[in-house]
Amino acid sequence: MDIKPIDWEQIGGLEDVKRKLKQSIEWPLKFPQDFIRMGLTQPKGLLLYGPPGCAKTTLVRALATSCHCSFVSVSGADLFSPFVGDSEKVLSQVFRQARANTPAIVFLDEIDSILGSRSVSKTGCDVQERVLSVLLNELDGVGLKTIERRGNKSNLQGKYQELKKMKSFKKFLIKMS
C-alpha cells in the first residue's frame, strides 16, 4: 500500500467525519494530560464503515499522519493463505508489529471479507472463524506472548495497566455515506 503522508486539507468534504476522527483519536494522543485531567478515557478502537470508495482508507492515512502514528495495514486478500494457520499467523504478526511501534493504527481493509460471521450451526472450524478468534484475542490482549509479558516488576505493572485498558475497549462507529 502507498504510505505517502496525507494531510486533512487534502481531503475534500467529509468535515463531520474528520471532526469525529480528530476528537476520538487525534486529541487523546496529542493532549493526554487534558484527557486525564478531565477524567476521560482514551479510546482503543474505531470502526469506520460505509460503501466502497467513500474515502475510509484515505481518512485513516490522514489520521495516522496527523497523529504521527505507525500505520499497519492488511487487506483481506493479503491475509488469506491456503495453508492451515498461516492467516492467523499473519494477523498475529500485524498486531505484534503494531505493539512494537506504538502508538499505531492498525487498518484492516475489507474486514467483512476477512471475518464473515460466527455460526453455531456449523461443525468444524473454517479459516474465517479461526481468523475471527485470533482478532478478538488480539483486541482483548490475549495475543500478548509470554516473552512480551516478562520483565521487571514496574514493567509488569505497566503491562497490567495496559491490559486493564484493553479490557475496557471502546468502539466508536462512524458511518460513512
N, C-alpha and C. Protein backbone atom coordinates (compact mmCIF):
# COMPACT_ATOMS: atom_id res chain seq x y z
N MET A 1 0.85 -1.18 0.00
CA MET A 1 0.00 0.00 0.00
C MET A 1 0.89 1.24 0.00
N ASP A 2 0.49 2.23 -0.75
CA ASP A 2 1.22 3.50 -0.80
C ASP A 2 1.02 4.20 0.55
N ILE A 3 2.12 4.58 1.19
CA ILE A 3 2.01 5.18 2.53
C ILE A 3 2.49 6.62 2.54
N LYS A 4 2.31 7.34 1.43
CA LYS A 4 2.66 8.76 1.43
C LYS A 4 1.79 9.48 2.44
N PRO A 5 2.38 10.43 3.16
CA PRO A 5 1.59 11.19 4.14
C PRO A 5 0.46 11.97 3.45
N ILE A 6 -0.67 12.01 4.12
CA ILE A 6 -1.83 12.76 3.63
C ILE A 6 -2.26 13.71 4.72
N ASP A 7 -2.49 14.96 4.37
CA ASP A 7 -2.98 15.96 5.32
C ASP A 7 -4.50 16.02 5.25
N TRP A 8 -5.10 16.48 6.36
CA TRP A 8 -6.55 16.63 6.40
C TRP A 8 -7.03 17.57 5.29
N GLU A 9 -6.23 18.57 4.96
CA GLU A 9 -6.63 19.55 3.96
C GLU A 9 -6.73 18.94 2.56
N GLN A 10 -6.08 17.82 2.34
CA GLN A 10 -6.12 17.17 1.04
C GLN A 10 -7.42 16.39 0.82
N ILE A 11 -8.22 16.26 1.86
CA ILE A 11 -9.48 15.53 1.76
C ILE A 11 -10.61 16.55 1.68
N GLY A 12 -11.29 16.56 0.57
CA GLY A 12 -12.39 17.50 0.37
C GLY A 12 -13.67 16.99 1.00
N GLY A 13 -14.38 17.87 1.67
CA GLY A 13 -15.63 17.49 2.29
C GLY A 13 -15.42 16.62 3.51
N LEU A 14 -16.45 15.85 3.85
CA LEU A 14 -16.43 14.93 4.99
C LEU A 14 -16.03 15.62 6.29
N GLU A 15 -16.40 16.86 6.44
CA GLU A 15 -15.98 17.65 7.61
C GLU A 15 -16.45 17.04 8.92
N ASP A 16 -17.67 16.51 8.95
CA ASP A 16 -18.20 15.92 10.17
C ASP A 16 -17.41 14.67 10.55
N VAL A 17 -17.09 13.84 9.57
CA VAL A 17 -16.33 12.62 9.83
C VAL A 17 -14.92 12.97 10.27
N LYS A 18 -14.29 13.93 9.62
CA LYS A 18 -12.94 14.34 10.00
C LYS A 18 -12.92 14.88 11.43
N ARG A 19 -13.92 15.66 11.79
CA ARG A 19 -14.00 16.22 13.14
C ARG A 19 -14.14 15.10 14.17
N LYS A 20 -14.99 14.11 13.88
CA LYS A 20 -15.18 12.99 14.82
C LYS A 20 -13.90 12.17 14.97
N LEU A 21 -13.18 11.96 13.87
CA LEU A 21 -11.91 11.23 13.94
C LEU A 21 -10.89 11.99 14.77
N LYS A 22 -10.81 13.30 14.56
CA LYS A 22 -9.86 14.11 15.33
C LYS A 22 -10.19 14.06 16.82
N GLN A 23 -11.47 14.21 17.15
CA GLN A 23 -11.88 14.23 18.55
C GLN A 23 -11.67 12.89 19.23
N SER A 24 -11.93 11.79 18.52
CA SER A 24 -11.88 10.48 19.17
C SER A 24 -10.50 9.85 19.17
N ILE A 25 -9.64 10.18 18.21
CA ILE A 25 -8.33 9.53 18.13
C ILE A 25 -7.18 10.53 18.27
N GLU A 26 -7.23 11.61 17.49
CA GLU A 26 -6.09 12.54 17.47
C GLU A 26 -5.95 13.31 18.79
N TRP A 27 -7.04 13.86 19.29
CA TRP A 27 -6.96 14.66 20.50
C TRP A 27 -6.44 13.87 21.71
N PRO A 28 -6.92 12.64 21.96
CA PRO A 28 -6.37 11.89 23.11
C PRO A 28 -4.87 11.63 23.00
N LEU A 29 -4.37 11.48 21.77
CA LEU A 29 -2.94 11.24 21.58
C LEU A 29 -2.12 12.53 21.73
N LYS A 30 -2.68 13.65 21.26
CA LYS A 30 -1.95 14.91 21.32
C LYS A 30 -2.07 15.61 22.67
N PHE A 31 -3.17 15.38 23.38
CA PHE A 31 -3.41 16.07 24.65
C PHE A 31 -3.76 15.07 25.75
N PRO A 32 -2.89 14.10 26.05
CA PRO A 32 -3.26 13.07 27.05
C PRO A 32 -3.47 13.64 28.45
N GLN A 33 -2.69 14.65 28.85
CA GLN A 33 -2.85 15.24 30.19
C GLN A 33 -4.22 15.89 30.34
N ASP A 34 -4.70 16.52 29.28
CA ASP A 34 -6.03 17.14 29.35
C ASP A 34 -7.11 16.09 29.52
N PHE A 35 -6.97 14.96 28.84
CA PHE A 35 -7.95 13.90 28.98
C PHE A 35 -7.91 13.30 30.38
N ILE A 36 -6.73 13.13 30.94
CA ILE A 36 -6.60 12.61 32.30
C ILE A 36 -7.20 13.60 33.29
N ARG A 37 -6.89 14.88 33.10
CA ARG A 37 -7.39 15.92 33.99
C ARG A 37 -8.91 15.96 34.00
N MET A 38 -9.52 15.72 32.84
CA MET A 38 -10.98 15.77 32.74
C MET A 38 -11.62 14.41 33.05
N GLY A 39 -10.80 13.39 33.33
CA GLY A 39 -11.34 12.08 33.66
C GLY A 39 -11.87 11.31 32.46
N LEU A 40 -11.41 11.65 31.29
CA LEU A 40 -11.86 10.96 30.08
C LEU A 40 -10.91 9.82 29.75
N THR A 41 -11.44 8.74 29.24
CA THR A 41 -10.59 7.62 28.83
C THR A 41 -10.30 7.71 27.34
N GLN A 42 -9.12 7.27 26.99
CA GLN A 42 -8.75 7.28 25.58
C GLN A 42 -9.35 6.06 24.90
N PRO A 43 -9.93 6.24 23.72
CA PRO A 43 -10.50 5.10 23.01
C PRO A 43 -9.40 4.16 22.53
N LYS A 44 -9.72 2.90 22.43
CA LYS A 44 -8.76 1.89 21.98
C LYS A 44 -9.06 1.40 20.58
N GLY A 45 -10.22 1.74 20.05
CA GLY A 45 -10.56 1.23 18.73
C GLY A 45 -11.57 2.10 18.02
N LEU A 46 -11.65 1.87 16.74
CA LEU A 46 -12.53 2.66 15.89
C LEU A 46 -12.95 1.79 14.73
N LEU A 47 -14.21 1.86 14.36
CA LEU A 47 -14.69 1.12 13.21
C LEU A 47 -15.33 2.10 12.25
N LEU A 48 -14.71 2.24 11.09
CA LEU A 48 -15.29 3.05 10.01
C LEU A 48 -16.02 2.10 9.09
N TYR A 49 -17.23 2.43 8.73
CA TYR A 49 -17.94 1.57 7.80
C TYR A 49 -18.68 2.42 6.78
N GLY A 50 -18.84 1.86 5.61
CA GLY A 50 -19.51 2.55 4.53
C GLY A 50 -19.25 1.83 3.22
N PRO A 51 -19.87 2.29 2.16
CA PRO A 51 -19.70 1.62 0.87
C PRO A 51 -18.28 1.80 0.33
N PRO A 52 -17.89 0.93 -0.60
CA PRO A 52 -16.56 1.08 -1.20
C PRO A 52 -16.42 2.44 -1.88
N GLY A 53 -15.23 3.02 -1.77
CA GLY A 53 -14.94 4.28 -2.44
C GLY A 53 -15.36 5.53 -1.70
N CYS A 54 -15.67 5.43 -0.41
CA CYS A 54 -16.11 6.62 0.33
C CYS A 54 -14.99 7.22 1.18
N ALA A 55 -13.74 6.89 0.89
CA ALA A 55 -12.54 7.51 1.46
C ALA A 55 -12.16 7.01 2.85
N LYS A 56 -12.58 5.82 3.23
CA LYS A 56 -12.19 5.29 4.54
C LYS A 56 -10.67 5.16 4.65
N THR A 57 -10.04 4.58 3.64
CA THR A 57 -8.59 4.38 3.66
C THR A 57 -7.86 5.72 3.69
N THR A 58 -8.29 6.66 2.90
CA THR A 58 -7.67 7.99 2.86
C THR A 58 -7.80 8.68 4.21
N LEU A 59 -8.95 8.57 4.84
CA LEU A 59 -9.15 9.19 6.15
C LEU A 59 -8.23 8.57 7.21
N VAL A 60 -8.07 7.26 7.18
CA VAL A 60 -7.20 6.60 8.16
C VAL A 60 -5.75 6.99 7.93
N ARG A 61 -5.34 7.11 6.69
CA ARG A 61 -3.97 7.53 6.40
C ARG A 61 -3.74 8.97 6.87
N ALA A 62 -4.72 9.84 6.68
CA ALA A 62 -4.60 11.22 7.17
C ALA A 62 -4.54 11.24 8.70
N LEU A 63 -5.31 10.39 9.33
CA LEU A 63 -5.31 10.30 10.78
C LEU A 63 -3.93 9.85 11.29
N ALA A 64 -3.36 8.85 10.66
CA ALA A 64 -2.03 8.37 11.05
C ALA A 64 -0.98 9.46 10.86
N THR A 65 -1.10 10.22 9.77
CA THR A 65 -0.16 11.31 9.51
C THR A 65 -0.27 12.39 10.57
N SER A 66 -1.49 12.80 10.88
CA SER A 66 -1.67 13.90 11.83
C SER A 66 -1.31 13.49 13.26
N CYS A 67 -1.45 12.21 13.59
CA CYS A 67 -1.12 11.73 14.94
C CYS A 67 0.32 11.29 15.07
N HIS A 68 1.05 11.27 13.97
CA HIS A 68 2.43 10.78 13.96
C HIS A 68 2.48 9.34 14.50
N CYS A 69 1.55 8.52 14.03
CA CYS A 69 1.44 7.12 14.45
C CYS A 69 2.02 6.20 13.40
N SER A 70 2.41 5.03 13.84
CA SER A 70 2.75 3.98 12.89
C SER A 70 1.46 3.55 12.22
N PHE A 71 1.55 3.16 10.97
CA PHE A 71 0.38 2.75 10.21
C PHE A 71 0.63 1.34 9.71
N VAL A 72 -0.15 0.39 10.24
CA VAL A 72 -0.03 -1.01 9.84
C VAL A 72 -1.33 -1.38 9.14
N SER A 73 -1.20 -1.83 7.90
CA SER A 73 -2.38 -2.12 7.10
C SER A 73 -2.34 -3.54 6.57
N VAL A 74 -3.48 -4.18 6.55
CA VAL A 74 -3.61 -5.51 5.95
C VAL A 74 -4.98 -5.58 5.28
N SER A 75 -5.01 -6.16 4.09
CA SER A 75 -6.29 -6.32 3.40
C SER A 75 -6.69 -7.79 3.44
N GLY A 76 -7.94 -8.04 3.11
CA GLY A 76 -8.44 -9.40 3.11
C GLY A 76 -7.64 -10.31 2.20
N ALA A 77 -7.26 -9.81 1.03
CA ALA A 77 -6.50 -10.62 0.07
C ALA A 77 -5.12 -10.98 0.61
N ASP A 78 -4.50 -10.06 1.36
CA ASP A 78 -3.17 -10.32 1.93
C ASP A 78 -3.22 -11.33 3.07
N LEU A 79 -4.36 -11.43 3.70
CA LEU A 79 -4.46 -12.22 4.92
C LEU A 79 -4.64 -13.71 4.67
N PHE A 80 -5.43 -14.06 3.67
CA PHE A 80 -5.76 -15.47 3.48
C PHE A 80 -4.65 -16.25 2.80
N SER A 81 -4.47 -17.46 3.29
CA SER A 81 -3.46 -18.37 2.78
C SER A 81 -4.08 -19.76 2.64
N PRO A 82 -3.63 -20.53 1.66
CA PRO A 82 -4.17 -21.89 1.53
C PRO A 82 -3.65 -22.85 2.60
N PHE A 83 -2.66 -22.43 3.36
CA PHE A 83 -2.06 -23.30 4.37
C PHE A 83 -2.69 -23.04 5.74
N VAL A 84 -2.99 -24.10 6.45
CA VAL A 84 -3.64 -24.02 7.76
C VAL A 84 -2.74 -23.26 8.73
N GLY A 85 -3.32 -22.25 9.37
CA GLY A 85 -2.61 -21.48 10.39
C GLY A 85 -1.87 -20.26 9.88
N ASP A 86 -1.63 -20.16 8.58
CA ASP A 86 -0.88 -19.01 8.05
C ASP A 86 -1.65 -17.70 8.20
N SER A 87 -2.96 -17.71 7.95
CA SER A 87 -3.76 -16.48 8.06
C SER A 87 -3.74 -15.96 9.49
N GLU A 88 -3.88 -16.87 10.44
CA GLU A 88 -3.85 -16.49 11.84
C GLU A 88 -2.49 -15.94 12.23
N LYS A 89 -1.43 -16.55 11.70
CA LYS A 89 -0.06 -16.11 11.99
C LYS A 89 0.17 -14.70 11.46
N VAL A 90 -0.31 -14.42 10.24
CA VAL A 90 -0.15 -13.09 9.64
C VAL A 90 -0.87 -12.05 10.49
N LEU A 91 -2.09 -12.34 10.92
CA LEU A 91 -2.85 -11.40 11.74
C LEU A 91 -2.16 -11.15 13.08
N SER A 92 -1.63 -12.19 13.70
CA SER A 92 -0.89 -12.02 14.95
C SER A 92 0.35 -11.17 14.75
N GLN A 93 1.04 -11.36 13.62
CA GLN A 93 2.23 -10.57 13.32
C GLN A 93 1.89 -9.10 13.11
N VAL A 94 0.73 -8.82 12.52
CA VAL A 94 0.29 -7.44 12.34
C VAL A 94 0.14 -6.76 13.70
N PHE A 95 -0.50 -7.43 14.64
CA PHE A 95 -0.69 -6.84 15.96
C PHE A 95 0.62 -6.76 16.74
N ARG A 96 1.50 -7.73 16.56
CA ARG A 96 2.80 -7.69 17.22
C ARG A 96 3.60 -6.49 16.70
N GLN A 97 3.54 -6.27 15.38
CA GLN A 97 4.24 -5.13 14.79
C GLN A 97 3.65 -3.82 15.32
N ALA A 98 2.35 -3.74 15.45
CA ALA A 98 1.71 -2.54 15.97
C ALA A 98 2.11 -2.29 17.43
N ARG A 99 2.13 -3.34 18.24
CA ARG A 99 2.54 -3.17 19.65
C ARG A 99 3.99 -2.73 19.75
N ALA A 100 4.83 -3.18 18.84
CA ALA A 100 6.25 -2.81 18.86
C ALA A 100 6.46 -1.37 18.43
N ASN A 101 5.51 -0.79 17.71
CA ASN A 101 5.65 0.57 17.18
C ASN A 101 4.53 1.48 17.67
N THR A 102 4.18 1.40 18.94
CA THR A 102 3.10 2.22 19.46
C THR A 102 3.51 3.68 19.55
N PRO A 103 2.61 4.62 19.43
CA PRO A 103 1.22 4.41 19.06
C PRO A 103 1.11 3.99 17.60
N ALA A 104 0.14 3.15 17.33
CA ALA A 104 -0.02 2.63 15.99
C ALA A 104 -1.49 2.56 15.61
N ILE A 105 -1.74 2.68 14.35
CA ILE A 105 -3.07 2.48 13.79
C ILE A 105 -3.02 1.21 12.96
N VAL A 106 -3.86 0.25 13.33
CA VAL A 106 -3.98 -1.00 12.58
C VAL A 106 -5.20 -0.85 11.70
N PHE A 107 -4.99 -0.94 10.40
CA PHE A 107 -6.08 -0.77 9.45
C PHE A 107 -6.38 -2.11 8.79
N LEU A 108 -7.56 -2.66 9.08
CA LEU A 108 -7.99 -3.92 8.49
C LEU A 108 -8.96 -3.58 7.36
N ASP A 109 -8.45 -3.55 6.15
CA ASP A 109 -9.26 -3.20 4.99
C ASP A 109 -10.09 -4.41 4.58
N GLU A 110 -11.31 -4.15 4.18
CA GLU A 110 -12.25 -5.20 3.76
C GLU A 110 -12.44 -6.22 4.88
N ILE A 111 -12.69 -5.72 6.08
CA ILE A 111 -12.81 -6.60 7.25
C ILE A 111 -13.99 -7.55 7.12
N ASP A 112 -15.02 -7.15 6.38
CA ASP A 112 -16.16 -8.03 6.19
C ASP A 112 -15.78 -9.29 5.41
N SER A 113 -14.87 -9.17 4.46
CA SER A 113 -14.43 -10.35 3.71
C SER A 113 -13.44 -11.17 4.52
N ILE A 114 -12.76 -10.54 5.45
CA ILE A 114 -11.79 -11.25 6.29
C ILE A 114 -12.52 -12.13 7.30
N LEU A 115 -13.54 -11.59 7.93
CA LEU A 115 -14.11 -12.25 9.10
C LEU A 115 -15.38 -13.05 8.86
N GLY A 116 -16.29 -12.55 8.06
CA GLY A 116 -17.56 -13.24 7.92
C GLY A 116 -18.33 -13.12 9.22
N SER A 117 -19.00 -14.20 9.63
CA SER A 117 -19.75 -14.17 10.88
C SER A 117 -19.63 -15.51 11.59
N ARG A 118 -19.85 -15.48 12.90
CA ARG A 118 -19.81 -16.73 13.67
C ARG A 118 -21.15 -17.42 13.52
N SER A 119 -21.11 -18.73 13.52
CA SER A 119 -22.33 -19.51 13.37
C SER A 119 -22.27 -20.70 14.31
N VAL A 120 -23.36 -20.94 15.04
CA VAL A 120 -23.40 -22.07 15.95
C VAL A 120 -23.80 -23.35 15.24
N SER A 121 -24.39 -23.26 14.05
CA SER A 121 -24.86 -24.44 13.35
C SER A 121 -23.76 -25.16 12.58
N LYS A 122 -22.63 -24.49 12.34
CA LYS A 122 -21.54 -25.10 11.60
C LYS A 122 -20.80 -26.11 12.46
N THR A 123 -20.36 -27.16 11.82
CA THR A 123 -19.46 -28.08 12.50
C THR A 123 -18.09 -27.88 11.89
N GLY A 124 -17.08 -28.09 12.66
CA GLY A 124 -15.73 -27.85 12.15
C GLY A 124 -15.36 -26.40 12.36
N CYS A 125 -14.16 -26.06 11.95
CA CYS A 125 -13.67 -24.70 12.16
C CYS A 125 -12.99 -24.23 10.89
N ASP A 126 -13.65 -23.36 10.16
CA ASP A 126 -13.04 -22.88 8.93
C ASP A 126 -12.13 -21.70 9.19
N VAL A 127 -11.45 -21.25 8.16
CA VAL A 127 -10.43 -20.22 8.32
C VAL A 127 -11.02 -18.90 8.82
N GLN A 128 -12.24 -18.53 8.38
CA GLN A 128 -12.82 -17.27 8.83
C GLN A 128 -13.07 -17.29 10.33
N GLU A 129 -13.54 -18.41 10.86
CA GLU A 129 -13.79 -18.50 12.30
C GLU A 129 -12.47 -18.43 13.08
N ARG A 130 -11.44 -19.07 12.57
CA ARG A 130 -10.14 -19.04 13.25
C ARG A 130 -9.55 -17.64 13.23
N VAL A 131 -9.66 -16.95 12.09
CA VAL A 131 -9.14 -15.59 11.98
C VAL A 131 -9.93 -14.66 12.90
N LEU A 132 -11.24 -14.82 12.96
CA LEU A 132 -12.05 -14.01 13.87
C LEU A 132 -11.64 -14.26 15.32
N SER A 133 -11.40 -15.49 15.66
CA SER A 133 -10.96 -15.82 17.02
C SER A 133 -9.63 -15.15 17.35
N VAL A 134 -8.68 -15.19 16.43
CA VAL A 134 -7.38 -14.55 16.65
C VAL A 134 -7.56 -13.04 16.79
N LEU A 135 -8.39 -12.44 15.93
CA LEU A 135 -8.62 -10.99 16.00
C LEU A 135 -9.20 -10.60 17.35
N LEU A 136 -10.21 -11.31 17.82
CA LEU A 136 -10.82 -10.98 19.10
C LEU A 136 -9.82 -11.16 20.25
N ASN A 137 -9.00 -12.20 20.18
CA ASN A 137 -7.98 -12.40 21.21
C ASN A 137 -6.95 -11.29 21.20
N GLU A 138 -6.53 -10.86 20.02
CA GLU A 138 -5.56 -9.76 19.92
C GLU A 138 -6.16 -8.47 20.46
N LEU A 139 -7.41 -8.19 20.16
CA LEU A 139 -8.06 -6.97 20.64
C LEU A 139 -8.20 -6.98 22.16
N ASP A 140 -8.40 -8.16 22.73
CA ASP A 140 -8.53 -8.28 24.19
C ASP A 140 -7.19 -8.34 24.90
N GLY A 141 -6.10 -8.43 24.15
CA GLY A 141 -4.78 -8.51 24.78
C GLY A 141 -4.34 -9.92 25.07
N VAL A 142 -5.15 -10.91 24.71
CA VAL A 142 -4.78 -12.29 24.95
C VAL A 142 -3.62 -12.67 24.04
N GLY A 143 -3.45 -11.96 22.94
CA GLY A 143 -2.40 -12.26 21.99
C GLY A 143 -1.00 -11.92 22.46
N LEU A 144 -0.88 -11.28 23.63
CA LEU A 144 0.45 -10.96 24.15
C LEU A 144 1.17 -12.25 24.50
N LYS A 145 2.32 -12.43 23.94
CA LYS A 145 3.11 -13.64 24.20
C LYS A 145 3.75 -13.55 25.58
N THR A 146 4.11 -14.69 26.13
CA THR A 146 4.75 -14.75 27.44
C THR A 146 6.02 -13.91 27.47
N ILE A 147 6.80 -13.96 26.39
CA ILE A 147 8.04 -13.19 26.31
C ILE A 147 7.75 -11.70 26.40
N GLU A 148 6.65 -11.26 25.78
CA GLU A 148 6.30 -9.85 25.80
C GLU A 148 5.82 -9.42 27.18
N ARG A 149 5.35 -10.37 28.00
CA ARG A 149 4.85 -10.05 29.34
C ARG A 149 5.95 -10.08 30.39
N ARG A 150 7.09 -10.68 30.09
CA ARG A 150 8.18 -10.77 31.06
C ARG A 150 8.83 -9.42 31.29
N GLY A 151 9.44 -9.28 32.42
CA GLY A 151 10.16 -8.04 32.71
C GLY A 151 10.21 -7.81 34.20
N ASN A 152 10.74 -6.63 34.56
CA ASN A 152 10.82 -6.32 35.99
C ASN A 152 9.44 -5.96 36.52
N LYS A 153 9.35 -5.75 37.82
CA LYS A 153 8.06 -5.53 38.45
C LYS A 153 7.35 -4.29 37.89
N SER A 154 8.08 -3.20 37.67
CA SER A 154 7.45 -1.99 37.15
C SER A 154 6.97 -2.21 35.72
N ASN A 155 7.73 -2.97 34.92
CA ASN A 155 7.31 -3.28 33.56
C ASN A 155 6.03 -4.12 33.58
N LEU A 156 5.98 -5.10 34.51
CA LEU A 156 4.79 -5.93 34.62
C LEU A 156 3.59 -5.09 35.06
N GLN A 157 3.81 -4.14 35.94
CA GLN A 157 2.72 -3.27 36.38
C GLN A 157 2.20 -2.46 35.19
N GLY A 158 3.10 -1.98 34.34
CA GLY A 158 2.69 -1.24 33.15
C GLY A 158 1.89 -2.11 32.20
N LYS A 159 2.31 -3.36 32.01
CA LYS A 159 1.57 -4.30 31.16
C LYS A 159 0.20 -4.58 31.75
N TYR A 160 0.13 -4.69 33.09
CA TYR A 160 -1.16 -4.93 33.75
C TYR A 160 -2.10 -3.76 33.49
N GLN A 161 -1.59 -2.53 33.61
CA GLN A 161 -2.42 -1.36 33.34
C GLN A 161 -2.87 -1.35 31.88
N GLU A 162 -1.95 -1.73 30.97
CA GLU A 162 -2.29 -1.78 29.55
C GLU A 162 -3.41 -2.80 29.30
N LEU A 163 -3.31 -3.95 29.94
CA LEU A 163 -4.34 -4.97 29.78
C LEU A 163 -5.67 -4.51 30.37
N LYS A 164 -5.62 -3.79 31.51
CA LYS A 164 -6.86 -3.27 32.09
C LYS A 164 -7.53 -2.31 31.12
N LYS A 165 -6.73 -1.47 30.47
CA LYS A 165 -7.28 -0.54 29.49
C LYS A 165 -7.89 -1.29 28.31
N MET A 166 -7.23 -2.37 27.89
CA MET A 166 -7.74 -3.14 26.75
C MET A 166 -9.06 -3.81 27.10
N LYS A 167 -9.24 -4.18 28.36
CA LYS A 167 -10.49 -4.80 28.78
C LYS A 167 -11.65 -3.81 28.62
N SER A 168 -11.36 -2.52 28.78
CA SER A 168 -12.40 -1.52 28.63
C SER A 168 -12.37 -0.94 27.22
N PHE A 169 -12.10 -1.82 26.25
CA PHE A 169 -12.02 -1.45 24.83
C PHE A 169 -13.32 -0.77 24.42
N LYS A 170 -13.20 0.44 23.91
CA LYS A 170 -14.37 1.18 23.47
C LYS A 170 -14.36 1.28 21.98
N LYS A 171 -15.51 1.09 21.39
CA LYS A 171 -15.63 1.15 19.94
C LYS A 171 -16.40 2.41 19.57
N PHE A 172 -15.89 3.10 18.60
CA PHE A 172 -16.60 4.24 18.06
C PHE A 172 -16.97 3.88 16.63
N LEU A 173 -18.25 4.00 16.33
CA LEU A 173 -18.72 3.72 14.99
C LEU A 173 -18.96 5.05 14.27
N ILE A 174 -18.35 5.20 13.15
CA ILE A 174 -18.56 6.40 12.35
C ILE A 174 -19.05 5.96 10.99
N LYS A 175 -20.29 6.30 10.67
CA LYS A 175 -20.88 5.89 9.41
C LYS A 175 -20.43 6.82 8.30
N MET A 176 -20.01 6.23 7.23
CA MET A 176 -19.58 6.98 6.05
C MET A 176 -20.71 6.86 5.03
N SER A 177 -21.13 7.98 4.45
CA SER A 177 -22.20 7.89 3.45
C SER A 177 -21.70 8.30 2.09
